[in-house]
N, C-alpha and C. Protein backbone atom coordinates (compact mmCIF):
# COMPACT_ATOMS: atom_id res chain seq x y z
N MET A 1 0.86 -1.18 0.00
CA MET A 1 0.00 0.00 0.00
C MET A 1 0.90 1.24 0.00
N SER A 2 0.63 2.17 -0.89
CA SER A 2 1.44 3.39 -0.98
C SER A 2 1.11 4.35 0.17
N GLU A 3 1.97 5.31 0.37
CA GLU A 3 1.72 6.30 1.42
C GLU A 3 0.45 7.10 1.13
N ILE A 4 0.19 7.40 -0.14
CA ILE A 4 -1.03 8.12 -0.52
C ILE A 4 -2.25 7.29 -0.16
N GLU A 5 -2.21 6.00 -0.46
CA GLU A 5 -3.33 5.11 -0.12
C GLU A 5 -3.53 5.04 1.39
N LYS A 6 -2.44 5.01 2.14
CA LYS A 6 -2.55 4.99 3.61
C LYS A 6 -3.20 6.28 4.11
N MET A 7 -2.81 7.40 3.52
CA MET A 7 -3.38 8.68 3.93
C MET A 7 -4.87 8.73 3.60
N GLN A 8 -5.23 8.25 2.41
CA GLN A 8 -6.64 8.23 2.02
C GLN A 8 -7.45 7.32 2.93
N ARG A 9 -6.88 6.20 3.27
CA ARG A 9 -7.56 5.26 4.17
C ARG A 9 -7.74 5.86 5.57
N TYR A 10 -6.71 6.56 6.04
CA TYR A 10 -6.78 7.23 7.34
C TYR A 10 -7.93 8.24 7.35
N ILE A 11 -8.05 9.02 6.28
CA ILE A 11 -9.13 10.00 6.18
C ILE A 11 -10.48 9.30 6.16
N GLU A 12 -10.60 8.24 5.37
CA GLU A 12 -11.86 7.51 5.26
C GLU A 12 -12.28 6.89 6.59
N ARG A 13 -11.31 6.43 7.37
CA ARG A 13 -11.62 5.78 8.66
C ARG A 13 -11.94 6.78 9.76
N THR A 14 -11.61 8.03 9.54
CA THR A 14 -11.91 9.07 10.53
C THR A 14 -13.34 9.53 10.31
N GLU A 15 -14.20 9.20 11.24
CA GLU A 15 -15.62 9.53 11.10
C GLU A 15 -15.86 10.95 11.58
N LEU A 16 -15.89 11.86 10.63
CA LEU A 16 -16.11 13.27 10.94
C LEU A 16 -17.61 13.57 10.88
N PRO A 17 -18.12 14.36 11.83
CA PRO A 17 -19.52 14.77 11.76
C PRO A 17 -19.79 15.57 10.48
N ALA A 18 -20.96 15.40 9.90
CA ALA A 18 -21.29 16.07 8.64
C ALA A 18 -21.22 17.58 8.75
N ASP A 19 -21.66 18.14 9.87
CA ASP A 19 -21.67 19.60 10.02
C ASP A 19 -20.27 20.19 10.18
N LEU A 20 -19.30 19.37 10.48
CA LEU A 20 -17.93 19.84 10.62
C LEU A 20 -17.40 20.37 9.29
N HIS A 21 -17.80 19.75 8.20
CA HIS A 21 -17.33 20.18 6.89
C HIS A 21 -17.81 21.59 6.55
N ASP A 22 -19.00 21.95 7.01
CA ASP A 22 -19.53 23.27 6.72
C ASP A 22 -18.75 24.36 7.44
N LYS A 23 -18.29 24.09 8.64
CA LYS A 23 -17.64 25.11 9.46
C LYS A 23 -16.14 25.17 9.24
N TYR A 24 -15.51 24.07 8.93
CA TYR A 24 -14.05 24.01 8.89
C TYR A 24 -13.53 23.45 7.57
N CYS A 25 -14.20 23.81 6.49
CA CYS A 25 -13.80 23.30 5.19
C CYS A 25 -12.70 24.17 4.58
N PHE A 26 -12.12 23.67 3.53
CA PHE A 26 -11.12 24.39 2.76
C PHE A 26 -11.86 25.00 1.58
N CYS A 27 -11.92 26.30 1.50
CA CYS A 27 -12.72 27.00 0.50
C CYS A 27 -11.98 27.11 -0.84
N LEU A 28 -12.74 27.28 -1.90
CA LEU A 28 -12.18 27.38 -3.24
C LEU A 28 -11.21 28.56 -3.35
N GLY A 29 -11.54 29.68 -2.74
CA GLY A 29 -10.65 30.84 -2.77
C GLY A 29 -9.31 30.56 -2.12
N GLU A 30 -9.35 29.83 -1.01
CA GLU A 30 -8.12 29.44 -0.33
C GLU A 30 -7.30 28.49 -1.21
N LEU A 31 -7.98 27.54 -1.83
CA LEU A 31 -7.30 26.60 -2.71
C LEU A 31 -6.63 27.33 -3.87
N ASP A 32 -7.32 28.29 -4.44
CA ASP A 32 -6.76 29.06 -5.55
C ASP A 32 -5.50 29.81 -5.11
N GLU A 33 -5.55 30.43 -3.94
CA GLU A 33 -4.39 31.17 -3.45
C GLU A 33 -3.20 30.25 -3.17
N VAL A 34 -3.48 29.09 -2.59
CA VAL A 34 -2.40 28.14 -2.32
C VAL A 34 -1.82 27.62 -3.63
N TRP A 35 -2.68 27.39 -4.62
CA TRP A 35 -2.19 26.95 -5.93
C TRP A 35 -1.23 27.98 -6.51
N LYS A 36 -1.60 29.25 -6.45
CA LYS A 36 -0.72 30.31 -6.96
C LYS A 36 0.59 30.34 -6.19
N PHE A 37 0.51 30.23 -4.88
CA PHE A 37 1.70 30.24 -4.02
C PHE A 37 2.60 29.05 -4.34
N SER A 38 1.99 27.91 -4.63
CA SER A 38 2.76 26.70 -4.89
C SER A 38 3.57 26.80 -6.19
N GLN A 39 3.16 27.67 -7.08
CA GLN A 39 3.88 27.83 -8.34
C GLN A 39 5.28 28.42 -8.12
N THR A 40 5.44 29.17 -7.03
CA THR A 40 6.75 29.76 -6.73
C THR A 40 7.48 29.02 -5.62
N ASP A 41 6.74 28.39 -4.71
CA ASP A 41 7.38 27.72 -3.57
C ASP A 41 6.51 26.56 -3.09
N MET A 42 6.65 25.42 -3.75
CA MET A 42 5.81 24.25 -3.47
C MET A 42 5.97 23.76 -2.03
N PHE A 43 7.20 23.69 -1.54
CA PHE A 43 7.42 23.18 -0.19
C PHE A 43 6.73 24.06 0.85
N SER A 44 6.88 25.36 0.75
CA SER A 44 6.23 26.26 1.70
C SER A 44 4.72 26.19 1.59
N ALA A 45 4.20 26.01 0.38
CA ALA A 45 2.76 25.88 0.21
C ALA A 45 2.24 24.63 0.90
N LEU A 46 2.96 23.52 0.77
CA LEU A 46 2.55 22.29 1.45
C LEU A 46 2.64 22.43 2.96
N CYS A 47 3.67 23.06 3.44
CA CYS A 47 3.80 23.30 4.88
C CYS A 47 2.66 24.17 5.39
N LEU A 48 2.32 25.21 4.62
CA LEU A 48 1.21 26.08 4.98
C LEU A 48 -0.10 25.29 5.07
N LEU A 49 -0.35 24.44 4.09
CA LEU A 49 -1.56 23.62 4.11
C LEU A 49 -1.62 22.72 5.34
N PHE A 50 -0.49 22.12 5.68
CA PHE A 50 -0.44 21.24 6.84
C PHE A 50 -0.74 22.02 8.12
N GLU A 51 -0.08 23.16 8.28
CA GLU A 51 -0.30 23.99 9.48
C GLU A 51 -1.73 24.52 9.53
N TYR A 52 -2.26 24.90 8.38
CA TYR A 52 -3.64 25.39 8.31
C TYR A 52 -4.62 24.28 8.71
N GLY A 53 -4.37 23.08 8.23
CA GLY A 53 -5.21 21.94 8.59
C GLY A 53 -5.16 21.64 10.09
N LYS A 54 -3.97 21.74 10.66
CA LYS A 54 -3.85 21.53 12.11
C LYS A 54 -4.64 22.59 12.87
N ALA A 55 -4.53 23.84 12.43
CA ALA A 55 -5.26 24.93 13.09
C ALA A 55 -6.77 24.73 12.97
N LYS A 56 -7.22 24.32 11.79
CA LYS A 56 -8.65 24.06 11.59
C LYS A 56 -9.11 22.92 12.51
N GLY A 57 -8.33 21.85 12.58
CA GLY A 57 -8.68 20.73 13.44
C GLY A 57 -8.70 21.12 14.91
N TYR A 58 -7.73 21.92 15.32
CA TYR A 58 -7.67 22.37 16.71
C TYR A 58 -8.90 23.20 17.06
N ARG A 59 -9.25 24.13 16.17
CA ARG A 59 -10.43 24.96 16.43
C ARG A 59 -11.71 24.13 16.44
N ALA A 60 -11.78 23.13 15.57
CA ALA A 60 -12.95 22.25 15.54
C ALA A 60 -13.07 21.49 16.86
N ALA A 61 -11.95 21.00 17.37
CA ALA A 61 -11.96 20.28 18.65
C ALA A 61 -12.37 21.21 19.80
N LYS A 62 -11.84 22.42 19.79
CA LYS A 62 -12.23 23.39 20.83
C LYS A 62 -13.72 23.69 20.79
N ALA A 63 -14.25 23.89 19.59
CA ALA A 63 -15.68 24.19 19.44
C ALA A 63 -16.52 23.01 19.91
N GLU A 64 -16.06 21.80 19.63
CA GLU A 64 -16.82 20.62 20.06
C GLU A 64 -16.81 20.52 21.58
N ARG A 65 -15.68 20.79 22.21
CA ARG A 65 -15.62 20.75 23.68
C ARG A 65 -16.54 21.79 24.29
N ARG A 66 -16.60 22.98 23.69
CA ARG A 66 -17.48 24.03 24.21
C ARG A 66 -18.95 23.62 24.11
N SER A 67 -19.31 22.94 23.04
CA SER A 67 -20.70 22.55 22.84
C SER A 67 -21.12 21.41 23.76
N VAL A 68 -20.16 20.62 24.22
CA VAL A 68 -20.46 19.48 25.09
C VAL A 68 -20.65 19.94 26.53
N VAL A 69 -19.90 20.93 26.94
CA VAL A 69 -19.94 21.39 28.33
C VAL A 69 -21.16 22.16 28.64
């Protein structure tokens, strides 16, 4: 199994609530800007995406904890 397949499987096995996608999705405008950025600096663009995803996940977890309490 390739690393890409492992990553896809990891995502598929993570059961995310449906409403989470509405609040913490990656928007088309953001994707377009990252695409433009990647044309000059692919590594930094990938790092930015990773850090952005972590921040989105962190905020999603914080919001979920607030709603439970």
